[in-house]
Amino acid sequence: MNPTCRWVTIAAACRFFGGYSIGFFGASYFNKNWPDKKNTYGFLNALVVSICGFTSAIAGGYISDASEKKGIYMSKAYVCMAGTSLAIPFVCLCYLFRGFENDDTNFYVALVSLALEYLFAECWIGPAITMIINTISPENKGFAVSAFLFFATISGTIATSTLGVLGTHFEAAENPRVYGYLLAVYVCIAYAASLPFFLVAGRSYTAVMEKREKEKKEQDALEE
């Protein structure tokens, strides 16, 4: 596995660690803290995941591709890092903030924060996979993407397993705010941990693409 693939895969493992935590335990946090709003949460959460997640993914791919066409090869890493960094404050706001006396207001603040988290956080997947595909040999592209998804999924599985154990240990079912504390810690640490790996992946990707561009120019000069 070349360096770009390695660093992208490690970064993805960090992101899946946080993403699976939200995906599997986010509902527990909302439904246990606001049991009278289960139907509202189910409907609005579906909108958040589909609309904000889709918009983020499309925007991330478009921005990174448009920037790379201008010769900014670090753009894919920058998109991954920017989206992840901007999502962290909204993770904290979603799972930790309960500052209003009206608890219904706290519910909607948390849900809007979740929507903004998705809007920023999900832009990474397209640029990350593209960095792998663009730097791997044609005969190994399928294997590389499969390995990427395998290790990322294993990381997510570890996250949900350990989060479940911690939730039981700290009696989250009886004290639902514990779900928020655990999710904030898991997701923020995982997201933050991905940043340096996206950075070194971007630098490795840039080196590969600049070398390839240089070789192409030399080849074109020889043909002339």
C-alpha atoms as a PDB file:
ATOM      1  CA  MET A   1       0.000   0.000   0.000  1.00  0.00           C
ATOM      2  CA  ASN A   2       1.451   3.372  -0.988  1.00  0.00           C
ATOM      3  CA  PRO A   3       1.774   6.158   1.616  1.00  0.00           C
ATOM      4  CA  THR A   4      -1.253   8.095   0.380  1.00  0.00           C
ATOM      5  CA  CYS A   5      -3.518   5.065   0.696  1.00  0.00           C
ATOM      6  CA  ARG A   6      -2.121   4.264   4.122  1.00  0.00           C
ATOM      7  CA  TRP A   7      -2.683   7.734   5.577  1.00  0.00           C
ATOM      8  CA  VAL A   8      -6.121   8.131   4.010  1.00  0.00           C
ATOM      9  CA  THR A   9      -7.184   4.763   5.411  1.00  0.00           C
ATOM     10  CA  ILE A  10      -6.019   5.673   8.922  1.00  0.00           C
ATOM     11  CA  ALA A  11      -7.844   9.004   8.687  1.00  0.00           C
ATOM     12  CA  ALA A  12     -10.962   7.180   7.476  1.00  0.00           C
ATOM     13  CA  ALA A  13     -10.733   4.768  10.404  1.00  0.00           C
ATOM     14  CA  CYS A  14     -10.805   7.760  12.755  1.00  0.00           C
ATOM     15  CA  ARG A  15     -13.765   9.283  10.938  1.00  0.00           C
ATOM     16  CA  PHE A  16     -15.717   6.002  10.922  1.00  0.00           C
ATOM     17  CA  PHE A  17     -14.992   5.649  14.646  1.00  0.00           C
ATOM     18  CA  GLY A  18     -16.797   8.914  15.248  1.00  0.00           C
ATOM     19  CA  GLY A  19     -19.434   8.429  12.562  1.00  0.00           C
ATOM     20  CA  TYR A  20     -20.520   4.999  13.754  1.00  0.00           C
ATOM     21  CA  SER A  21     -20.762   6.347  17.292  1.00  0.00           C
ATOM     22  CA  ILE A  22     -23.269   8.946  16.125  1.00  0.00           C
ATOM     23  CA  GLY A  23     -25.071   6.531  13.841  1.00  0.00           C
ATOM     24  CA  PHE A  24     -25.632   3.863  16.483  1.00  0.00           C
ATOM     25  CA  PHE A  25     -25.998   5.885  19.696  1.00  0.00           C
ATOM     26  CA  GLY A  26     -27.251   9.275  18.553  1.00  0.00           C
ATOM     27  CA  ALA A  27     -30.831   7.987  18.615  1.00  0.00           C
ATOM     28  CA  SER A  28     -30.361   6.720  22.174  1.00  0.00           C
ATOM     29  CA  TYR A  29     -29.236  10.177  23.265  1.00  0.00           C
ATOM     30  CA  PHE A  30     -32.223  11.952  21.729  1.00  0.00           C
ATOM     31  CA  ASN A  31     -34.869   9.365  22.557  1.00  0.00           C
ATOM     32  CA  LYS A  32     -33.775   8.905  26.168  1.00  0.00           C
ATOM     33  CA  ASN A  33     -33.431  12.623  26.872  1.00  0.00           C
ATOM     34  CA  TRP A  34     -36.614  13.630  25.035  1.00  0.00           C
ATOM     35  CA  PRO A  35     -38.850  10.513  25.084  1.00  0.00           C
ATOM     36  CA  ASP A  36     -41.923  12.541  24.113  1.00  0.00           C
ATOM     37  CA  LYS A  37     -40.273  13.579  20.833  1.00  0.00           C
ATOM     38  CA  LYS A  38     -39.346  10.198  19.390  1.00  0.00           C
ATOM     39  CA  ASN A  39     -41.508  10.606  16.307  1.00  0.00           C
ATOM     40  CA  THR A  40     -40.320  14.157  15.719  1.00  0.00           C
ATOM     41  CA  TYR A  41     -36.700  13.075  16.082  1.00  0.00           C
ATOM     42  CA  GLY A  42     -37.147  10.103  13.747  1.00  0.00           C
ATOM     43  CA  PHE A  43     -38.635  12.270  10.995  1.00  0.00           C
ATOM     44  CA  LEU A  44     -36.250  15.221  11.343  1.00  0.00           C
ATOM     45  CA  ASN A  45     -33.193  13.014  11.759  1.00  0.00           C
ATOM     46  CA  ALA A  46     -34.008  11.287   8.472  1.00  0.00           C
ATOM     47  CA  LEU A  47     -34.126  14.703   6.800  1.00  0.00           C
ATOM     48  CA  VAL A  48     -30.860  15.749   8.432  1.00  0.00           C
ATOM     49  CA  VAL A  49     -28.975  12.636   7.350  1.00  0.00           C
ATOM     50  CA  SER A  50     -30.337  12.574   3.810  1.00  0.00           C
ATOM     51  CA  ILE A  51     -30.371  16.274   2.930  1.00  0.00           C
ATOM     52  CA  CYS A  52     -27.398  17.608   4.911  1.00  0.00           C
ATOM     53  CA  GLY A  53     -25.292  14.499   4.394  1.00  0.00           C
ATOM     54  CA  PHE A  54     -25.975  14.421   0.654  1.00  0.00           C
ATOM     55  CA  THR A  55     -25.347  18.148   0.245  1.00  0.00           C
ATOM     56  CA  SER A  56     -22.066  17.896   2.138  1.00  0.00           C
ATOM     57  CA  ALA A  57     -20.836  14.940   0.094  1.00  0.00           C
ATOM     58  CA  ILE A  58     -21.672  16.612  -3.222  1.00  0.00           C
ATOM     59  CA  ALA A  59     -20.142  19.932  -2.175  1.00  0.00           C
ATOM     60  CA  GLY A  60     -16.949  18.266  -0.926  1.00  0.00           C
ATOM     61  CA  GLY A  61     -16.427  16.421  -4.175  1.00  0.00           C
ATOM     62  CA  TYR A  62     -17.186  19.467  -6.319  1.00  0.00           C
ATOM     63  CA  ILE A  63     -14.944  21.867  -4.392  1.00  0.00           C
ATOM     64  CA  SER A  64     -11.995  19.486  -4.243  1.00  0.00           C
ATOM     65  CA  ASP A  65     -12.226  18.564  -7.931  1.00  0.00           C
ATOM     66  CA  ALA A  66     -12.608  22.183  -9.038  1.00  0.00           C
ATOM     67  CA  SER A  67      -9.588  23.210  -6.967  1.00  0.00           C
ATOM     68  CA  GLU A  68      -7.465  20.331  -8.225  1.00  0.00           C
ATOM     69  CA  LYS A  69      -8.145  21.371 -11.817  1.00  0.00           C
ATOM     70  CA  LYS A  70      -6.449  24.652 -10.894  1.00  0.00           C
ATOM     71  CA  GLY A  71      -3.379  22.743  -9.733  1.00  0.00           C
ATOM     72  CA  ILE A  72      -4.151  22.758  -5.999  1.00  0.00           C
ATOM     73  CA  TYR A  73      -3.514  19.108  -5.235  1.00  0.00           C
ATOM     74  CA  MET A  74      -3.803  19.636  -1.482  1.00  0.00           C
ATOM     75  CA  SER A  75      -7.426  20.678  -1.979  1.00  0.00           C
ATOM     76  CA  LYS A  76      -8.793  17.198  -1.308  1.00  0.00           C
ATOM     77  CA  ALA A  77      -7.012  17.021   2.036  1.00  0.00           C
ATOM     78  CA  TYR A  78      -8.009  20.592   2.858  1.00  0.00           C
ATOM     79  CA  VAL A  79     -11.686  19.796   2.234  1.00  0.00           C
ATOM     80  CA  CYS A  80     -11.481  16.743   4.513  1.00  0.00           C
ATOM     81  CA  MET A  81      -9.726  18.715   7.230  1.00  0.00           C
ATOM     82  CA  ALA A  82     -11.922  21.799   7.007  1.00  0.00           C
ATOM     83  CA  GLY A  83     -15.173  19.865   7.108  1.00  0.00           C
ATOM     84  CA  THR A  84     -14.021  17.739  10.021  1.00  0.00           C
ATOM     85  CA  SER A  85     -12.735  20.729  11.989  1.00  0.00           C
ATOM     86  CA  LEU A  86     -15.903  22.757  11.467  1.00  0.00           C
ATOM     87  CA  ALA A  87     -18.054  19.823  12.576  1.00  0.00           C
ATOM     88  CA  ILE A  88     -16.396  19.447  15.991  1.00  0.00           C
ATOM     89  CA  PRO A  89     -17.981  22.523  17.666  1.00  0.00           C
ATOM     90  CA  PHE A  90     -21.434  21.400  16.533  1.00  0.00           C
ATOM     91  CA  VAL A  91     -20.833  17.927  17.966  1.00  0.00           C
ATOM     92  CA  CYS A  92     -20.173  19.563  21.332  1.00  0.00           C
ATOM     93  CA  LEU A  93     -23.203  21.824  21.002  1.00  0.00           C
ATOM     94  CA  CYS A  94     -25.426  18.916  20.043  1.00  0.00           C
ATOM     95  CA  TYR A  95     -24.479  16.526  22.825  1.00  0.00           C
ATOM     96  CA  LEU A  96     -23.414  18.805  25.676  1.00  0.00           C
ATOM     97  CA  PHE A  97     -25.488  21.990  25.550  1.00  0.00           C
ATOM     98  CA  ARG A  98     -28.657  22.135  27.666  1.00  0.00           C
ATOM     99  CA  GLY A  99     -28.609  25.842  28.518  1.00  0.00           C
ATOM    100  CA  PHE A 100     -32.277  26.750  28.019  1.00  0.00           C
ATOM    101  CA  GLU A 101     -34.889  26.370  30.734  1.00  0.00           C
ATOM    102  CA  ASN A 102     -37.368  25.146  28.129  1.00  0.00           C
ATOM    103  CA  ASP A 103     -36.218  21.625  27.359  1.00  0.00           C
ATOM    104  CA  ASP A 104     -38.055  21.628  24.033  1.00  0.00           C
ATOM    105  CA  THR A 105     -35.774  24.448  22.953  1.00  0.00           C
ATOM    106  CA  ASN A 106     -32.763  22.363  23.969  1.00  0.00           C
ATOM    107  CA  PHE A 107     -34.090  19.553  21.770  1.00  0.00           C
ATOM    108  CA  TYR A 108     -34.299  21.736  18.679  1.00  0.00           C
ATOM    109  CA  VAL A 109     -30.910  23.351  19.369  1.00  0.00           C
ATOM    110  CA  ALA A 110     -29.408  19.864  19.531  1.00  0.00           C
ATOM    111  CA  LEU A 111     -31.122  18.827  16.314  1.00  0.00           C
ATOM    112  CA  VAL A 112     -30.032  21.947  14.422  1.00  0.00           C
ATOM    113  CA  SER A 113     -26.495  21.373  15.700  1.00  0.00           C
ATOM    114  CA  LEU A 114     -26.664  17.795  14.423  1.00  0.00           C
ATOM    115  CA  ALA A 115     -27.787  19.076  11.034  1.00  0.00           C
ATOM    116  CA  LEU A 116     -24.850  21.496  10.861  1.00  0.00           C
ATOM    117  CA  GLU A 117     -22.493  18.732  11.963  1.00  0.00           C
ATOM    118  CA  TYR A 118     -23.641  16.586   9.036  1.00  0.00           C
ATOM    119  CA  LEU A 119     -23.496  19.543   6.669  1.00  0.00           C
ATOM    120  CA  PHE A 120     -19.815  20.050   7.383  1.00  0.00           C
ATOM    121  CA  ALA A 121     -18.587  16.581   8.343  1.00  0.00           C
ATOM    122  CA  GLU A 122     -19.732  14.428   5.428  1.00  0.00           C
ATOM    123  CA  CYS A 123     -17.736  16.248   2.741  1.00  0.00           C
ATOM    124  CA  TRP A 124     -14.690  14.049   3.285  1.00  0.00           C
ATOM    125  CA  ILE A 125     -15.602  10.692   1.778  1.00  0.00           C
ATOM    126  CA  GLY A 126     -15.403  11.614  -1.925  1.00  0.00           C
ATOM    127  CA  PRO A 127     -12.042  13.419  -1.784  1.00  0.00           C
ATOM    128  CA  ALA A 128     -10.580  10.689   0.432  1.00  0.00           C
ATOM    129  CA  ILE A 129     -11.505   7.829  -1.887  1.00  0.00           C
ATOM    130  CA  THR A 130     -10.363   9.837  -4.908  1.00  0.00           C
ATOM    131  CA  MET A 131      -6.908  10.273  -3.377  1.00  0.00           C
ATOM    132  CA  ILE A 132      -6.671   6.491  -3.124  1.00  0.00           C
ATOM    133  CA  ILE A 133      -7.944   5.800  -6.623  1.00  0.00           C
ATOM    134  CA  ASN A 134      -5.679   8.416  -8.225  1.00  0.00           C
ATOM    135  CA  THR A 135      -2.498   7.063  -6.631  1.00  0.00           C
ATOM    136  CA  ILE A 136      -2.970   3.310  -6.885  1.00  0.00           C
ATOM    137  CA  SER A 137      -2.122   1.163  -9.894  1.00  0.00           C
ATOM    138  CA  PRO A 138      -5.130   0.242 -12.071  1.00  0.00           C
ATOM    139  CA  GLU A 139      -4.978  -3.460 -11.219  1.00  0.00           C
ATOM    140  CA  ASN A 140      -5.127  -2.707  -7.474  1.00  0.00           C
ATOM    141  CA  LYS A 141      -7.877  -0.088  -7.343  1.00  0.00           C
ATOM    142  CA  GLY A 142     -10.606  -2.523  -6.295  1.00  0.00           C
ATOM    143  CA  PHE A 143      -8.453  -4.064  -3.595  1.00  0.00           C
ATOM    144  CA  ALA A 144      -7.389  -0.660  -2.268  1.00  0.00           C
ATOM    145  CA  VAL A 145     -10.958   0.621  -1.909  1.00  0.00           C
ATOM    146  CA  SER A 146     -12.029  -2.683  -0.322  1.00  0.00           C
ATOM    147  CA  ALA A 147      -9.192  -2.475   2.198  1.00  0.00           C
ATOM    148  CA  PHE A 148     -10.089   1.151   2.900  1.00  0.00           C
ATOM    149  CA  LEU A 149     -13.696   0.217   3.675  1.00  0.00           C
ATOM    150  CA  PHE A 150     -12.711  -2.897   5.631  1.00  0.00           C
ATOM    151  CA  PHE A 151     -10.386  -1.142   8.076  1.00  0.00           C
ATOM    152  CA  ALA A 152     -12.699   1.855   8.404  1.00  0.00           C
ATOM    153  CA  THR A 153     -15.656  -0.414   9.181  1.00  0.00           C
ATOM    154  CA  ILE A 154     -13.650  -2.400  11.721  1.00  0.00           C
ATOM    155  CA  SER A 155     -12.826   0.887  13.455  1.00  0.00           C
ATOM    156  CA  GLY A 156     -16.488   1.841  13.519  1.00  0.00           C
ATOM    157  CA  THR A 157     -17.394  -1.551  14.949  1.00  0.00           C
ATOM    158  CA  ILE A 158     -14.848  -1.129  17.741  1.00  0.00           C
ATOM    159  CA  ALA A 159     -16.328   2.280  18.520  1.00  0.00           C
ATOM    160  CA  THR A 160     -19.884   1.014  18.885  1.00  0.00           C
ATOM    161  CA  SER A 161     -18.812  -2.016  20.913  1.00  0.00           C
ATOM    162  CA  THR A 162     -16.777  -0.035  23.420  1.00  0.00           C
ATOM    163  CA  LEU A 163     -19.358   2.739  23.573  1.00  0.00           C
ATOM    164  CA  GLY A 164     -21.995   0.191  24.473  1.00  0.00           C
ATOM    165  CA  VAL A 165     -19.832  -1.189  27.265  1.00  0.00           C
ATOM    166  CA  LEU A 166     -19.156   2.291  28.635  1.00  0.00           C
ATOM    167  CA  GLY A 167     -22.821   3.200  28.415  1.00  0.00           C
ATOM    168  CA  THR A 168     -23.691   0.169  30.527  1.00  0.00           C
ATOM    169  CA  HIS A 169     -20.865   0.860  32.987  1.00  0.00           C
ATOM    170  CA  PHE A 170     -21.927   4.456  33.548  1.00  0.00           C
ATOM    171  CA  GLU A 171     -25.641   3.534  33.647  1.00  0.00           C
ATOM    172  CA  ALA A 172     -26.576   5.701  30.698  1.00  0.00           C
ATOM    173  CA  ALA A 173     -30.054   4.164  30.508  1.00  0.00           C
ATOM    174  CA  GLU A 174     -30.848   5.644  33.948  1.00  0.00           C
ATOM    175  CA  ASN A 175     -28.926   8.884  33.329  1.00  0.00           C
ATOM    176  CA  PRO A 176     -29.420   9.684  29.615  1.00  0.00           C
ATOM    177  CA  ARG A 177     -27.105  12.684  29.578  1.00  0.00           C
ATOM    178  CA  VAL A 178     -24.248  10.187  29.879  1.00  0.00           C
ATOM    179  CA  TYR A 179     -24.899   9.289  26.239  1.00  0.00           C
ATOM    180  CA  GLY A 180     -24.163  12.894  25.336  1.00  0.00           C
ATOM    181  CA  TYR A 181     -20.928  12.986  27.299  1.00  0.00           C
ATOM    182  CA  LEU A 182     -19.711   9.732  25.776  1.00  0.00           C
ATOM    183  CA  LEU A 183     -20.651  10.760  22.241  1.00  0.00           C
ATOM    184  CA  ALA A 184     -18.968  14.149  22.579  1.00  0.00           C
ATOM    185  CA  VAL A 185     -15.735  12.558  23.781  1.00  0.00           C
ATOM    186  CA  TYR A 186     -15.726   9.742  21.232  1.00  0.00           C
ATOM    187  CA  VAL A 187     -16.619  11.841  18.226  1.00  0.00           C
ATOM    188  CA  CYS A 188     -14.477  14.890  18.994  1.00  0.00           C
ATOM    189  CA  ILE A 189     -11.363  12.832  19.735  1.00  0.00           C
ATOM    190  CA  ALA A 190     -11.877  10.654  16.653  1.00  0.00           C
ATOM    191  CA  TYR A 191     -12.469  13.637  14.368  1.00  0.00           C
ATOM    192  CA  ALA A 192      -9.486  15.529  15.761  1.00  0.00           C
ATOM    193  CA  ALA A 193      -7.280  12.441  15.412  1.00  0.00           C
ATOM    194  CA  SER A 194      -8.089  12.216  11.699  1.00  0.00           C
ATOM    195  CA  LEU A 195      -6.735  15.694  10.917  1.00  0.00           C
ATOM    196  CA  PRO A 196      -2.973  14.999  10.930  1.00  0.00           C
ATOM    197  CA  PHE A 197      -3.501  11.875   8.810  1.00  0.00           C
ATOM    198  CA  PHE A 198      -5.496  13.818   6.239  1.00  0.00           C
ATOM    199  CA  LEU A 199      -2.680  16.361   6.178  1.00  0.00           C
ATOM    200  CA  VAL A 200       0.110  13.860   5.523  1.00  0.00           C
ATOM    201  CA  ALA A 201      -2.126  12.047   3.028  1.00  0.00           C
ATOM    202  CA  GLY A 202      -2.575  15.313   1.159  1.00  0.00           C
ATOM    203  CA  ARG A 203       1.145  15.960   1.078  1.00  0.00           C
ATOM    204  CA  SER A 204       1.830  12.455  -0.202  1.00  0.00           C
ATOM    205  CA  TYR A 205      -0.926  12.816  -2.793  1.00  0.00           C
ATOM    206  CA  THR A 206       0.479  16.164  -3.924  1.00  0.00           C
ATOM    207  CA  ALA A 207       3.947  14.676  -4.365  1.00  0.00           C
ATOM    208  CA  VAL A 208       2.553  11.843  -6.498  1.00  0.00           C
ATOM    209  CA  MET A 209       0.433  14.116  -8.676  1.00  0.00           C
ATOM    210  CA  GLU A 210       3.183  16.712  -9.173  1.00  0.00           C
ATOM    211  CA  LYS A 211       5.632  13.981 -10.157  1.00  0.00           C
ATOM    212  CA  ARG A 212       3.092  12.577 -12.595  1.00  0.00           C
ATOM    213  CA  GLU A 213       2.476  16.032 -14.065  1.00  0.00           C
ATOM    214  CA  LYS A 214       6.209  16.637 -14.451  1.00  0.00           C
ATOM    215  CA  GLU A 215       6.693  13.306 -16.221  1.00  0.00           C
ATOM    216  CA  LYS A 216       3.822  14.090 -18.571  1.00  0.00           C
ATOM    217  CA  LYS A 217       5.334  17.451 -19.486  1.00  0.00           C
ATOM    218  CA  GLU A 218       8.709  15.816 -20.150  1.00  0.00           C
ATOM    219  CA  GLN A 219       7.053  13.162 -22.312  1.00  0.00           C
ATOM    220  CA  ASP A 220       5.148  15.799 -24.268  1.00  0.00           C
ATOM    221  CA  ALA A 221       8.396  17.736 -24.812  1.00  0.00           C
ATOM    222  CA  LEU A 222      10.115  14.634 -26.177  1.00  0.00           C
ATOM    223  CA  GLU A 223       7.241  13.959 -28.574  1.00  0.00           C
ATOM    224  CA  GLU A 224       7.496  17.493 -29.939  1.00  0.00           C
END
